[in-house]
PDB file of N, CA and C in Angstrom:
ATOM      1  N   UNK A   1      19.309 -51.656  18.518  1.00  0.00           N
ATOM      2  CA  UNK A   1      17.996 -52.117  17.811  1.00  0.00           C
ATOM      3  C   UNK A   1      18.499 -52.096  16.434  1.00  0.00           C
ATOM      4  N   UNK A   2      18.226 -53.115  15.519  1.00  0.00           N
ATOM      5  CA  UNK A   2      18.474 -53.129  14.277  1.00  0.00           C
ATOM      6  C   UNK A   2      17.113 -53.275  13.778  1.00  0.00           C
ATOM      7  N   UNK A   3      16.519 -52.795  12.897  1.00  0.00           N
ATOM      8  CA  UNK A   3      15.788 -53.055  11.940  1.00  0.00           C
ATOM      9  C   UNK A   3      15.743 -54.361  10.944  1.00  0.00           C
ATOM     10  N   UNK A   4      15.397 -55.343  11.092  1.00  0.00           N
ATOM     11  CA  UNK A   4      15.821 -56.228  10.417  1.00  0.00           C
ATOM     12  C   UNK A   4      14.485 -56.783   9.293  1.00  0.00           C
ATOM     13  N   UNK A   5      14.227 -56.552   8.077  1.00  0.00           N
ATOM     14  CA  UNK A   5      13.478 -56.787   7.055  1.00  0.00           C
ATOM     15  C   UNK A   5      13.864 -57.687   5.905  1.00  0.00           C
ATOM     16  N   UNK A   6      12.978 -58.630   5.667  1.00  0.00           N
ATOM     17  CA  UNK A   6      13.349 -59.011   4.461  1.00  0.00           C
ATOM     18  C   UNK A   6      12.068 -59.252   3.327  1.00  0.00           C
ATOM     19  N   UNK A   7      12.711 -58.872   2.018  1.00  0.00           N
ATOM     20  CA  UNK A   7      11.767 -58.933   0.945  1.00  0.00           C
ATOM     21  C   UNK A   7      12.174 -60.088   0.066  1.00  0.00           C
ATOM     22  N   UNK A   8      10.563 -60.858   0.181  1.00  0.00           N
ATOM     23  CA  UNK A   8      10.757 -62.148  -0.919  1.00  0.00           C
ATOM     24  C   UNK A   8      10.473 -61.623  -2.484  1.00  0.00           C
ATOM     25  N   UNK A   9      11.122 -61.404  -3.458  1.00  0.00           N
ATOM     26  CA  UNK A   9      11.216 -61.099  -4.624  1.00  0.00           C
ATOM     27  C   UNK A   9      10.246 -62.075  -5.254  1.00  0.00           C
ATOM     28  N   UNK A  10      10.493 -62.851  -5.051  1.00  0.00           N
ATOM     29  CA  UNK A  10       9.623 -63.974  -5.597  1.00  0.00           C
ATOM     30  C   UNK A  10       8.019 -64.384  -5.336  1.00  0.00           C
ATOM     31  N   UNK A  11       7.828 -63.617  -4.062  1.00  0.00           N
ATOM     32  CA  UNK A  11       6.433 -64.058  -3.503  1.00  0.00           C
ATOM     33  C   UNK A  11       5.466 -63.129  -4.355  1.00  0.00           C
ATOM     34  N   UNK A  12       3.897 -63.659  -4.434  1.00  0.00           N
ATOM     35  CA  UNK A  12       3.212 -62.785  -5.140  1.00  0.00           C
ATOM     36  C   UNK A  12       2.528 -61.666  -4.489  1.00  0.00           C
ATOM     37  N   UNK A  13       3.208 -61.647  -2.969  1.00  0.00           N
ATOM     38  CA  UNK A  13       2.870 -60.241  -2.655  1.00  0.00           C
ATOM     39  C   UNK A  13       3.735 -59.169  -2.472  1.00  0.00           C
ATOM     40  N   UNK A  14       2.919 -58.120  -3.108  1.00  0.00           N
ATOM     41  CA  UNK A  14       4.049 -56.738  -3.642  1.00  0.00           C
ATOM     42  C   UNK A  14       4.946 -56.606  -2.350  1.00  0.00           C
ATOM     43  N   UNK A  15       6.065 -56.064  -3.014  1.00  0.00           N
ATOM     44  CA  UNK A  15       7.055 -55.571  -1.622  1.00  0.00           C
ATOM     45  C   UNK A  15       6.817 -54.894  -0.763  1.00  0.00           C
ATOM     46  N   UNK A  16       5.739 -53.494  -1.506  1.00  0.00           N
ATOM     47  CA  UNK A  16       5.616 -52.531  -0.216  1.00  0.00           C
ATOM     48  C   UNK A  16       4.782 -53.014   0.656  1.00  0.00           C
ATOM     49  N   UNK A  17       3.812 -54.448   0.366  1.00  0.00           N
ATOM     50  CA  UNK A  17       3.066 -55.023   1.183  1.00  0.00           C
ATOM     51  C   UNK A  17       3.675 -55.799   2.511  1.00  0.00           C
ATOM     52  N   UNK A  18       4.710 -56.087   1.978  1.00  0.00           N
ATOM     53  CA  UNK A  18       5.762 -57.143   3.100  1.00  0.00           C
ATOM     54  C   UNK A  18       6.458 -56.273   3.730  1.00  0.00           C
ATOM     55  N   UNK A  19       6.804 -54.638   3.323  1.00  0.00           N
ATOM     56  CA  UNK A  19       7.661 -54.033   4.091  1.00  0.00           C
ATOM     57  C   UNK A  19       6.491 -53.542   5.154  1.00  0.00           C
ATOM     58  N   UNK A  20       4.899 -52.968   4.650  1.00  0.00           N
ATOM     59  CA  UNK A  20       4.300 -52.643   5.510  1.00  0.00           C
ATOM     60  C   UNK A  20       3.772 -53.693   6.831  1.00  0.00           C
ATOM     61  N   UNK A  21       3.919 -54.971   6.552  1.00  0.00           N
ATOM     62  CA  UNK A  21       2.754 -55.890   7.000  1.00  0.00           C
ATOM     63  C   UNK A  21       4.072 -56.450   8.219  1.00  0.00           C
ATOM     64  N   UNK A  22       5.228 -56.459   8.035  1.00  0.00           N
ATOM     65  CA  UNK A  22       6.639 -56.339   8.858  1.00  0.00           C
ATOM     66  C   UNK A  22       6.886 -55.678   9.796  1.00  0.00           C
ATOM     67  N   UNK A  23       6.898 -54.380   9.511  1.00  0.00           N
ATOM     68  CA  UNK A  23       6.847 -53.206  10.539  1.00  0.00           C
ATOM     69  C   UNK A  23       5.515 -53.125  11.230  1.00  0.00           C
ATOM     70  N   UNK A  24       4.411 -53.245  10.380  1.00  0.00           N
ATOM     71  CA  UNK A  24       3.017 -53.093  11.639  1.00  0.00           C
ATOM     72  C   UNK A  24       3.390 -54.268  12.622  1.00  0.00           C
ATOM     73  N   UNK A  25       3.536 -55.597  12.021  1.00  0.00           N
ATOM     74  CA  UNK A  25       3.748 -56.664  13.167  1.00  0.00           C
ATOM     75  C   UNK A  25       4.479 -56.312  14.566  1.00  0.00           C
ATOM     76  N   UNK A  26       5.933 -56.026  13.980  1.00  0.00           N
ATOM     77  CA  UNK A  26       6.428 -55.777  14.890  1.00  0.00           C
ATOM     78  C   UNK A  26       6.452 -54.517  16.136  1.00  0.00           C
ATOM     79  N   UNK A  27       5.476 -53.808  15.107  1.00  0.00           N
ATOM     80  CA  UNK A  27       5.554 -52.503  16.226  1.00  0.00           C
ATOM     81  C   UNK A  27       4.264 -53.244  16.970  1.00  0.00           C
ATOM     82  N   UNK A  28       3.238 -53.865  16.656  1.00  0.00           N
ATOM     83  CA  UNK A  28       2.152 -54.094  17.535  1.00  0.00           C
ATOM     84  C   UNK A  28       2.451 -55.028  18.473  1.00  0.00           C
ATOM     85  N   UNK A  29       3.606 -56.083  17.910  1.00  0.00           N
ATOM     86  CA  UNK A  29       4.211 -56.873  19.097  1.00  0.00           C
ATOM     87  C   UNK A  29       5.169 -56.592  20.436  1.00  0.00           C
ATOM     88  N   UNK A  30       5.680 -55.148  19.901  1.00  0.00           N
ATOM     89  CA  UNK A  30       6.700 -54.680  21.070  1.00  0.00           C
ATOM     90  C   UNK A  30       7.757 -55.085  20.245  1.00  0.00           C
ATOM     91  N   UNK A  31       8.135 -55.665  19.454  1.00  0.00           N
ATOM     92  CA  UNK A  31       9.642 -55.684  19.067  1.00  0.00           C
ATOM     93  C   UNK A  31       9.894 -54.461  18.469  1.00  0.00           C
ATOM     94  N   UNK A  32       9.495 -53.388  17.964  1.00  0.00           N
ATOM     95  CA  UNK A  32       9.754 -52.022  17.485  1.00  0.00           C
ATOM     96  C   UNK A  32       8.979 -51.331  18.750  1.00  0.00           C
ATOM     97  N   UNK A  33      10.019 -50.833  19.643  1.00  0.00           N
ATOM     98  CA  UNK A  33       9.358 -50.411  20.482  1.00  0.00           C
ATOM     99  C   UNK A  33       8.383 -49.090  20.152  1.00  0.00           C
ATOM    100  N   UNK A  34       7.336 -48.202  20.637  1.00  0.00           N
ATOM    101  CA  UNK A  34       7.040 -46.686  20.808  1.00  0.00           C
ATOM    102  C   UNK A  34       8.265 -45.518  20.693  1.00  0.00           C
ATOM    103  N   UNK A  35       8.747 -45.017  19.731  1.00  0.00           N
ATOM    104  CA  UNK A  35       9.376 -44.240  19.600  1.00  0.00           C
ATOM    105  C   UNK A  35      10.380 -44.533  18.724  1.00  0.00           C
ATOM    106  N   UNK A  36      10.688 -45.936  18.592  1.00  0.00           N
ATOM    107  CA  UNK A  36      11.809 -46.217  17.675  1.00  0.00           C
ATOM    108  C   UNK A  36      11.869 -45.525  16.402  1.00  0.00           C
ATOM    109  N   UNK A  37      13.135 -44.946  16.114  1.00  0.00           N
ATOM    110  CA  UNK A  37      13.210 -44.073  14.818  1.00  0.00           C
ATOM    111  C   UNK A  37      13.704 -44.905  13.602  1.00  0.00           C
ATOM    112  N   UNK A  38      12.655 -44.735  12.574  1.00  0.00           N
ATOM    113  CA  UNK A  38      12.834 -46.194  11.553  1.00  0.00           C
ATOM    114  C   UNK A  38      14.368 -45.364  10.676  1.00  0.00           C
ATOM    115  N   UNK A  39      14.509 -45.950   9.869  1.00  0.00           N
ATOM    116  CA  UNK A  39      15.303 -45.476   8.965  1.00  0.00           C
ATOM    117  C   UNK A  39      14.692 -44.815   7.480  1.00  0.00           C
ATOM    118  N   UNK A  40      15.350 -43.800   7.322  1.00  0.00           N
ATOM    119  CA  UNK A  40      14.846 -43.232   5.981  1.00  0.00           C
ATOM    120  C   UNK A  40      14.237 -43.533   4.965  1.00  0.00           C
ATOM    121  N   UNK A  41      13.346 -43.269   3.993  1.00  0.00           N
ATOM    122  CA  UNK A  41      12.996 -44.301   2.857  1.00  0.00           C
ATOM    123  C   UNK A  41      14.195 -44.399   2.320  1.00  0.00           C
ATOM    124  N   UNK A  42      14.828 -43.505   1.772  1.00  0.00           N
ATOM    125  CA  UNK A  42      15.902 -43.693   0.756  1.00  0.00           C
ATOM    126  C   UNK A  42      16.983 -44.815   1.547  1.00  0.00           C
ATOM    127  N   UNK A  43      17.053 -44.375   2.683  1.00  0.00           N
ATOM    128  CA  UNK A  43      18.149 -45.212   3.371  1.00  0.00           C
ATOM    129  C   UNK A  43      17.615 -47.002   3.672  1.00  0.00           C
ATOM    130  N   UNK A  44      16.146 -47.157   3.850  1.00  0.00           N
ATOM    131  CA  UNK A  44      15.909 -48.290   4.047  1.00  0.00           C
ATOM    132  C   UNK A  44      15.367 -49.148   2.474  1.00  0.00           C
ATOM    133  N   UNK A  45      15.335 -48.319   1.370  1.00  0.00           N
ATOM    134  CA  UNK A  45      14.988 -48.455   0.198  1.00  0.00           C
ATOM    135  C   UNK A  45      16.760 -49.012  -0.539  1.00  0.00           C
ATOM    136  N   UNK A  46      17.626 -48.455   0.123  1.00  0.00           N
ATOM    137  CA  UNK A  46      18.902 -49.084  -0.215  1.00  0.00           C
ATOM    138  C   UNK A  46      19.467 -50.319   0.180  1.00  0.00           C
ATOM    139  N   UNK A  47      19.084 -50.382   1.441  1.00  0.00           N
ATOM    140  CA  UNK A  47      19.021 -51.328   2.513  1.00  0.00           C
ATOM    141  C   UNK A  47      18.448 -52.706   1.681  1.00  0.00           C
ATOM    142  N   UNK A  48      17.453 -52.541   1.439  1.00  0.00           N
ATOM    143  CA  UNK A  48      16.234 -53.476   0.704  1.00  0.00           C
ATOM    144  C   UNK A  48      16.585 -53.909  -0.861  1.00  0.00           C
ATOM    145  N   UNK A  49      17.476 -53.312  -1.171  1.00  0.00           N
ATOM    146  CA  UNK A  49      17.517 -53.004  -2.405  1.00  0.00           C
ATOM    147  C   UNK A  49      16.390 -52.966  -3.394  1.00  0.00           C
ATOM    148  N   UNK A  50      15.129 -51.622  -2.936  1.00  0.00           N
ATOM    149  CA  UNK A  50      13.882 -51.715  -3.612  1.00  0.00           C
ATOM    150  C   UNK A  50      14.148 -50.163  -3.832  1.00  0.00           C
ATOM    151  N   UNK A  51      13.023 -49.777  -4.579  1.00  0.00           N
ATOM    152  CA  UNK A  51      12.760 -48.459  -5.316  1.00  0.00           C
ATOM    153  C   UNK A  51      12.190 -47.682  -3.881  1.00  0.00           C
ATOM    154  N   UNK A  52      12.663 -46.020  -3.790  1.00  0.00           N
ATOM    155  CA  UNK A  52      12.545 -45.433  -2.561  1.00  0.00           C
ATOM    156  C   UNK A  52      10.943 -45.497  -2.446  1.00  0.00           C
ATOM    157  N   UNK A  53      10.053 -45.235  -3.819  1.00  0.00           N
ATOM    158  CA  UNK A  53       8.627 -45.029  -4.111  1.00  0.00           C
ATOM    159  C   UNK A  53       7.985 -46.146  -3.769  1.00  0.00           C
ATOM    160  N   UNK A  54       8.782 -47.473  -3.569  1.00  0.00           N
ATOM    161  CA  UNK A  54       8.177 -48.393  -2.846  1.00  0.00           C
ATOM    162  C   UNK A  54       8.200 -48.437  -1.329  1.00  0.00           C
ATOM    163  N   UNK A  55       9.034 -48.059  -0.506  1.00  0.00           N
ATOM    164  CA  UNK A  55       9.404 -47.854   0.908  1.00  0.00           C
ATOM    165  C   UNK A  55       7.911 -46.664   1.361  1.00  0.00           C
ATOM    166  N   UNK A  56       8.288 -45.772   0.525  1.00  0.00           N
ATOM    167  CA  UNK A  56       7.513 -44.190   0.972  1.00  0.00           C
ATOM    168  C   UNK A  56       5.956 -44.603   0.434  1.00  0.00           C
ATOM    169  N   UNK A  57       5.695 -46.045  -0.030  1.00  0.00           N
ATOM    170  CA  UNK A  57       4.175 -46.228   0.226  1.00  0.00           C
ATOM    171  C   UNK A  57       4.208 -47.196   0.844  1.00  0.00           C
ATOM    172  N   UNK A  58       5.135 -47.659   1.831  1.00  0.00           N
ATOM    173  CA  UNK A  58       4.746 -48.775   2.710  1.00  0.00           C
ATOM    174  C   UNK A  58       4.470 -47.748   4.146  1.00  0.00           C
ATOM    175  N   UNK A  59       6.006 -46.619   4.137  1.00  0.00           N
ATOM    176  CA  UNK A  59       5.385 -46.025   5.261  1.00  0.00           C
ATOM    177  C   UNK A  59       4.227 -45.231   4.923  1.00  0.00           C
ATOM    178  N   UNK A  60       3.353 -44.392   4.009  1.00  0.00           N
ATOM    179  CA  UNK A  60       2.470 -43.940   4.039  1.00  0.00           C
ATOM    180  C   UNK A  60       1.012 -44.847   4.398  1.00  0.00           C
ATOM    181  N   UNK A  61       1.218 -45.860   4.164  1.00  0.00           N
ATOM    182  CA  UNK A  61      -0.077 -46.848   4.593  1.00  0.00           C
ATOM    183  C   UNK A  61       0.564 -47.202   6.262  1.00  0.00           C
ATOM    184  N   UNK A  62       1.352 -47.055   6.561  1.00  0.00           N
ATOM    185  CA  UNK A  62       1.531 -47.254   8.065  1.00  0.00           C
ATOM    186  C   UNK A  62       1.453 -46.174   8.784  1.00  0.00           C
ATOM    187  N   UNK A  63       1.615 -45.281   8.242  1.00  0.00           N
ATOM    188  CA  UNK A  63       0.927 -43.875   9.116  1.00  0.00           C
ATOM    189  C   UNK A  63      -0.182 -43.517   8.696  1.00  0.00           C
ATOM    190  N   UNK A  64      -0.917 -43.771   7.876  1.00  0.00           N
ATOM    191  CA  UNK A  64      -2.457 -43.820   7.886  1.00  0.00           C
ATOM    192  C   UNK A  64      -3.018 -44.384   8.771  1.00  0.00           C
ATOM    193  N   UNK A  65      -2.629 -46.074   9.044  1.00  0.00           N
ATOM    194  CA  UNK A  65      -2.912 -47.090  10.039  1.00  0.00           C
ATOM    195  C   UNK A  65      -2.440 -46.692  11.417  1.00  0.00           C
ATOM    196  N   UNK A  66      -2.029 -45.744  11.266  1.00  0.00           N
ATOM    197  CA  UNK A  66      -1.436 -45.247  12.722  1.00  0.00           C
ATOM    198  C   UNK A  66      -0.458 -45.695  13.728  1.00  0.00           C
ATOM    199  N   UNK A  67       0.178 -46.617  12.535  1.00  0.00           N
ATOM    200  CA  UNK A  67       1.399 -47.192  13.453  1.00  0.00           C
ATOM    201  C   UNK A  67       2.921 -46.394  13.510  1.00  0.00           C
ATOM    202  N   UNK A  68       2.695 -45.672  12.789  1.00  0.00           N
ATOM    203  CA  UNK A  68       4.128 -44.738  12.601  1.00  0.00           C
ATOM    204  C   UNK A  68       3.674 -43.271  12.249  1.00  0.00           C
ATOM    205  N   UNK A  69       4.368 -42.336  12.977  1.00  0.00           N
ATOM    206  CA  UNK A  69       4.190 -41.050  12.592  1.00  0.00           C
ATOM    207  C   UNK A  69       5.358 -40.402  12.010  1.00  0.00           C
ATOM    208  N   UNK A  70       5.289 -39.715  11.151  1.00  0.00           N
ATOM    209  CA  UNK A  70       6.551 -38.796  10.622  1.00  0.00           C
ATOM    210  C   UNK A  70       6.487 -37.216  11.613  1.00  0.00           C
ATOM    211  N   UNK A  71       7.406 -37.048  12.024  1.00  0.00           N
ATOM    212  CA  UNK A  71       7.892 -35.757  12.604  1.00  0.00           C
ATOM    213  C   UNK A  71       8.649 -34.468  12.027  1.00  0.00           C
ATOM    214  N   UNK A  72       8.030 -34.258  11.005  1.00  0.00           N
ATOM    215  CA  UNK A  72       9.119 -33.428  10.084  1.00  0.00           C
ATOM    216  C   UNK A  72      10.380 -34.133   9.665  1.00  0.00           C
ATOM    217  N   UNK A  73      11.120 -33.073   9.981  1.00  0.00           N
ATOM    218  CA  UNK A  73      12.658 -32.699   9.824  1.00  0.00           C
ATOM    219  C   UNK A  73      13.157 -33.926  10.677  1.00  0.00           C
ATOM    220  N   UNK A  74      12.523 -34.710  11.698  1.00  0.00           N
ATOM    221  CA  UNK A  74      12.890 -35.057  12.680  1.00  0.00           C
ATOM    222  C   UNK A  74      13.165 -36.914  12.243  1.00  0.00           C
ATOM    223  N   UNK A  75      12.336 -37.496  11.482  1.00  0.00           N
ATOM    224  CA  UNK A  75      12.213 -38.850  11.347  1.00  0.00           C
ATOM    225  C   UNK A  75      11.077 -39.047  11.248  1.00  0.00           C
ATOM    226  N   UNK A  76      10.695 -40.857  11.218  1.00  0.00           N
ATOM    227  CA  UNK A  76       9.366 -41.292  11.025  1.00  0.00           C
ATOM    228  C   UNK A  76       9.998 -42.396  12.471  1.00  0.00           C
ATOM    229  N   UNK A  77       8.967 -42.408  13.192  1.00  0.00           N
ATOM    230  CA  UNK A  77       8.856 -43.165  14.408  1.00  0.00           C
ATOM    231  C   UNK A  77       7.862 -43.893  14.618  1.00  0.00           C
ATOM    232  N   UNK A  78       7.836 -45.128  15.345  1.00  0.00           N
ATOM    233  CA  UNK A  78       6.851 -46.060  15.861  1.00  0.00           C
ATOM    234  C   UNK A  78       6.034 -45.257  16.485  1.00  0.00           C
ATOM    235  N   UNK A  79       4.620 -45.022  16.279  1.00  0.00           N
ATOM    236  CA  UNK A  79       3.641 -44.232  17.051  1.00  0.00           C
ATOM    237  C   UNK A  79       3.121 -45.204  18.305  1.00  0.00           C
ATOM    238  N   UNK A  80       2.687 -44.572  19.251  1.00  0.00           N
ATOM    239  CA  UNK A  80       1.774 -45.065  20.410  1.00  0.00           C
ATOM    240  C   UNK A  80       0.721 -45.472  20.062  1.00  0.00           C
ATOM    241  N   UNK A  81       0.156 -47.069  20.342  1.00  0.00           N
ATOM    242  CA  UNK A  81      -0.723 -47.315  19.409  1.00  0.00           C
ATOM    243  C   UNK A  81      -2.066 -46.773  20.293  1.00  0.00           C
ATOM    244  N   UNK A  82      -1.979 -46.500  21.483  1.00  0.00           N
ATOM    245  CA  UNK A  82      -2.874 -45.658  22.030  1.00  0.00           C
ATOM    246  C   UNK A  82      -3.442 -44.233  21.397  1.00  0.00           C
ATOM    247  N   UNK A  83      -2.360 -43.798  21.227  1.00  0.00           N
ATOM    248  CA  UNK A  83      -2.544 -42.537  20.895  1.00  0.00           C
ATOM    249  C   UNK A  83      -3.250 -42.490  19.365  1.00  0.00           C
ATOM    250  N   UNK A  84      -2.847 -43.368  18.361  1.00  0.00           N
ATOM    251  CA  UNK A  84      -3.346 -43.508  17.206  1.00  0.00           C
ATOM    252  C   UNK A  84      -4.799 -43.955  17.316  1.00  0.00           C
ATOM    253  N   UNK A  85      -5.119 -45.295  18.354  1.00  0.00           N
ATOM    254  CA  UNK A  85      -6.424 -45.435  18.209  1.00  0.00           C
ATOM    255  C   UNK A  85      -7.670 -44.262  18.870  1.00  0.00           C
ATOM    256  N   UNK A  86      -6.736 -43.528  19.758  1.00  0.00           N
ATOM    257  CA  UNK A  86      -7.738 -42.101  20.554  1.00  0.00           C
ATOM    258  C   UNK A  86      -7.883 -41.144  18.946  1.00  0.00           C
ATOM    259  N   UNK A  87      -6.904 -41.120  18.310  1.00  0.00           N
ATOM    260  CA  UNK A  87      -7.452 -40.286  17.438  1.00  0.00           C
ATOM    261  C   UNK A  87      -8.287 -40.486  16.181  1.00  0.00           C
ATOM    262  N   UNK A  88      -8.094 -41.854  15.649  1.00  0.00           N
ATOM    263  CA  UNK A  88      -8.886 -42.272  15.168  1.00  0.00           C
ATOM    264  C   UNK A  88     -10.703 -42.631  15.595  1.00  0.00           C
ATOM    265  N   UNK A  89     -10.517 -42.698  17.062  1.00  0.00           N
ATOM    266  CA  UNK A  89     -11.968 -42.654  17.599  1.00  0.00           C
ATOM    267  C   UNK A  89     -12.547 -41.244  17.674  1.00  0.00           C
ATOM    268  N   UNK A  90     -11.538 -40.418  18.174  1.00  0.00           N
ATOM    269  CA  UNK A  90     -11.972 -38.828  17.524  1.00  0.00           C
ATOM    270  C   UNK A  90     -12.815 -38.476  16.442  1.00  0.00           C
ATOM    271  N   UNK A  91     -11.827 -39.081  15.107  1.00  0.00           N
ATOM    272  CA  UNK A  91     -11.988 -38.722  13.849  1.00  0.00           C
ATOM    273  C   UNK A  91     -13.475 -39.264  13.519  1.00  0.00           C
ATOM    274  N   UNK A  92     -13.747 -40.703  14.177  1.00  0.00           N
ATOM    275  CA  UNK A  92     -15.270 -41.062  13.461  1.00  0.00           C
ATOM    276  C   UNK A  92     -15.672 -40.425  14.620  1.00  0.00           C
ATOM    277  N   UNK A  93     -15.818 -40.087  15.560  1.00  0.00           N
ATOM    278  CA  UNK A  93     -16.588 -39.198  16.335  1.00  0.00           C
ATOM    279  C   UNK A  93     -17.217 -38.107  16.174  1.00  0.00           C
ATOM    280  N   UNK A  94     -16.114 -37.253  15.522  1.00  0.00           N
ATOM    281  CA  UNK A  94     -16.364 -36.201  14.580  1.00  0.00           C
ATOM    282  C   UNK A  94     -17.220 -36.238  13.491  1.00  0.00           C
ATOM    283  N   UNK A  95     -17.098 -37.483  12.477  1.00  0.00           N
ATOM    284  CA  UNK A  95     -17.665 -37.577  11.504  1.00  0.00           C
ATOM    285  C   UNK A  95     -19.448 -37.825  11.748  1.00  0.00           C
ATOM    286  N   UNK A  96     -19.542 -38.758  12.554  1.00  0.00           N
ATOM    287  CA  UNK A  96     -20.553 -39.096  12.867  1.00  0.00           C
ATOM    288  C   UNK A  96     -21.448 -38.058  13.590  1.00  0.00           C
ATOM    289  N   UNK A  97     -21.095 -37.000  14.706  1.00  0.00           N
ATOM    290  CA  UNK A  97     -21.752 -35.911  14.977  1.00  0.00           C
ATOM    291  C   UNK A  97     -21.896 -34.966  13.587  1.00  0.00           C
ATOM    292  N   UNK A  98     -21.308 -34.941  12.716  1.00  0.00           N
ATOM    293  CA  UNK A  98     -21.649 -34.268  11.358  1.00  0.00           C
ATOM    294  C   UNK A  98     -22.466 -34.668  10.818  1.00  0.00           C
ATOM    295  N   UNK A  99     -22.346 -36.069  10.817  1.00  0.00           N
ATOM    296  CA  UNK A  99     -23.531 -36.923   9.956  1.00  0.00           C
ATOM    297  C   UNK A  99     -24.828 -36.830  10.528  1.00  0.00           C
ATOM    298  N   UNK A 100     -24.810 -36.993  12.185  1.00  0.00           N
ATOM    299  CA  UNK A 100     -26.289 -36.729  12.825  1.00  0.00           C
ATOM    300  C   UNK A 100     -26.610 -35.319  12.980  1.00  0.00           C
ATOM    301  N   UNK A 101     -25.939 -34.293  12.798  1.00  0.00           N
ATOM    302  CA  UNK A 101     -26.283 -32.837  12.229  1.00  0.00           C
ATOM    303  C   UNK A 101     -27.237 -32.674  11.342  1.00  0.00           C
ATOM    304  N   UNK A 102     -26.419 -33.361  10.286  1.00  0.00           N
ATOM    305  CA  UNK A 102     -26.975 -33.200   8.640  1.00  0.00           C
ATOM    306  C   UNK A 102     -28.230 -34.263   8.573  1.00  0.00           C
ATOM    307  N   UNK A 103     -28.438 -34.982   9.530  1.00  0.00           N
ATOM    308  CA  UNK A 103     -29.591 -35.707   9.344  1.00  0.00           C
ATOM    309  C   UNK A 103     -30.499 -35.206  10.259  1.00  0.00           C
ATOM    310  N   UNK A 104     -30.263 -34.265  10.618  1.00  0.00           N
ATOM    311  CA  UNK A 104     -31.543 -33.282  11.482  1.00  0.00           C
ATOM    312  C   UNK A 104     -31.678 -33.661  12.898  1.00  0.00           C
ATOM    313  N   UNK A 105     -30.458 -34.883  13.373  1.00  0.00           N
ATOM    314  CA  UNK A 105     -31.145 -35.351  14.939  1.00  0.00           C
ATOM    315  C   UNK A 105     -31.014 -34.392  15.920  1.00  0.00           C
ATOM    316  N   UNK A 106     -31.619 -34.228  17.053  1.00  0.00           N
ATOM    317  CA  UNK A 106     -31.049 -33.580  18.063  1.00  0.00           C
ATOM    318  C   UNK A 106     -29.870 -34.200  18.628  1.00  0.00           C
ATOM    319  N   UNK A 107     -29.628 -33.507  19.577  1.00  0.00           N
ATOM    320  CA  UNK A 107     -27.977 -34.328  20.518  1.00  0.00           C
ATOM    321  C   UNK A 107     -28.441 -35.444  21.072  1.00  0.00           C
ATOM    322  N   UNK A 108     -29.768 -35.044  21.130  1.00  0.00           N
ATOM    323  CA  UNK A 108     -30.191 -36.283  22.420  1.00  0.00           C
ATOM    324  C   UNK A 108     -30.201 -37.593  21.605  1.00  0.00           C
ATOM    325  N   UNK A 109     -31.149 -37.268  20.285  1.00  0.00           N
ATOM    326  CA  UNK A 109     -31.008 -38.470  19.606  1.00  0.00           C
ATOM    327  C   UNK A 109     -29.828 -39.229  18.916  1.00  0.00           C
ATOM    328  N   UNK A 110     -28.961 -38.210  19.044  1.00  0.00           N
ATOM    329  CA  UNK A 110     -27.621 -38.496  18.561  1.00  0.00           C
ATOM    330  C   UNK A 110     -26.919 -39.347  19.797  1.00  0.00           C
ATOM    331  N   UNK A 111     -26.842 -38.843  20.948  1.00  0.00           N
ATOM    332  CA  UNK A 111     -26.381 -39.488  21.941  1.00  0.00           C
ATOM    333  C   UNK A 111     -27.000 -41.052  22.281  1.00  0.00           C
ATOM    334  N   UNK A 112     -28.329 -40.828  21.839  1.00  0.00           N
ATOM    335  CA  UNK A 112     -29.186 -42.280  22.362  1.00  0.00           C
ATOM    336  C   UNK A 112     -28.616 -43.517  21.101  1.00  0.00           C
ATOM    337  N   UNK A 113     -28.147 -42.807  19.947  1.00  0.00           N
ATOM    338  CA  UNK A 113     -27.783 -43.878  18.737  1.00  0.00           C
ATOM    339  C   UNK A 113     -26.531 -44.255  19.462  1.00  0.00           C
ATOM    340  N   UNK A 114     -25.692 -42.983  19.732  1.00  0.00           N
ATOM    341  CA  UNK A 114     -24.073 -43.466  20.071  1.00  0.00           C
ATOM    342  C   UNK A 114     -24.508 -44.748  21.505  1.00  0.00           C
ATOM    343  N   UNK A 115     -25.053 -44.202  22.460  1.00  0.00           N
ATOM    344  CA  UNK A 115     -25.172 -44.911  23.606  1.00  0.00           C
ATOM    345  C   UNK A 115     -25.790 -46.162  23.362  1.00  0.00           C
ATOM    346  N   UNK A 116     -26.618 -46.169  22.218  1.00  0.00           N
ATOM    347  CA  UNK A 116     -27.313 -47.917  21.613  1.00  0.00           C
ATOM    348  C   UNK A 116     -26.011 -48.798  21.404  1.00  0.00           C
ATOM    349  N   UNK A 117     -25.440 -48.062  20.045  1.00  0.00           N
ATOM    350  CA  UNK A 117     -24.323 -48.651  19.771  1.00  0.00           C
ATOM    351  C   UNK A 117     -22.984 -49.088  20.743  1.00  0.00           C
ATOM    352  N   UNK A 118     -22.964 -48.566  21.491  1.00  0.00           N
ATOM    353  CA  UNK A 118     -21.772 -48.933  22.361  1.00  0.00           C
ATOM    354  C   UNK A 118     -22.435 -49.993  23.159  1.00  0.00           C
ATOM    355  N   UNK A 119     -23.049 -49.853  23.934  1.00  0.00           N
ATOM    356  CA  UNK A 119     -24.065 -51.392  24.583  1.00  0.00           C
ATOM    357  C   UNK A 119     -24.004 -52.487  23.375  1.00  0.00           C
ATOM    358  N   UNK A 120     -24.456 -51.929  22.299  1.00  0.00           N
ATOM    359  CA  UNK A 120     -24.332 -53.231  21.558  1.00  0.00           C
ATOM    360  C   UNK A 120     -22.546 -53.839  21.137  1.00  0.00           C
ATOM    361  N   UNK A 121     -21.823 -53.099  21.121  1.00  0.00           N
ATOM    362  CA  UNK A 121     -20.426 -53.771  20.978  1.00  0.00           C
ATOM    363  C   UNK A 121     -19.790 -53.514  22.392  1.00  0.00           C
ATOM    364  N   UNK A 122     -19.995 -53.314  23.615  1.00  0.00           N
ATOM    365  CA  UNK A 122     -19.302 -54.076  24.823  1.00  0.00           C
ATOM    366  C   UNK A 122     -20.427 -54.130  25.826  1.00  0.00           C
ATOM    367  N   UNK A 123     -21.411 -54.511  25.274  1.00  0.00           N
ATOM    368  CA  UNK A 123     -22.645 -55.151  26.359  1.00  0.00           C
ATOM    369  C   UNK A 123     -22.838 -54.596  27.378  1.00  0.00           C
ATOM    370  N   UNK A 124     -24.117 -54.849  28.034  1.00  0.00           N
ATOM    371  CA  UNK A 124     -25.006 -54.317  28.625  1.00  0.00           C
ATOM    372  C   UNK A 124     -23.754 -53.188  29.727  1.00  0.00           C
TER     373      UNK A 124
END
């Protein structure tokens, strides 16, 4: 499988955003499977005729969104969407718990707020 990315230099959309959007869409659609190894920043920059910083910025945004993950010297890979969603949910839950504690809510009050929010989001 080859990563085919096109960057339209005449587009009003920044090249890094074009790159980010194409990789994200392909990862979410399954066209890039979980575990697919992406090219290095320098390699992809050379292939596309872009500055390495442009590709690095796109990769950083994709990693922040949980679409890709960097495994040290082993490279950058398409992340498992479920893992990213679970990490983001855990992070949001930790932030909520800290905020509730800071506000002086009891555990029961904090749980009640979460239960109510979940009912509103998912229905009864």
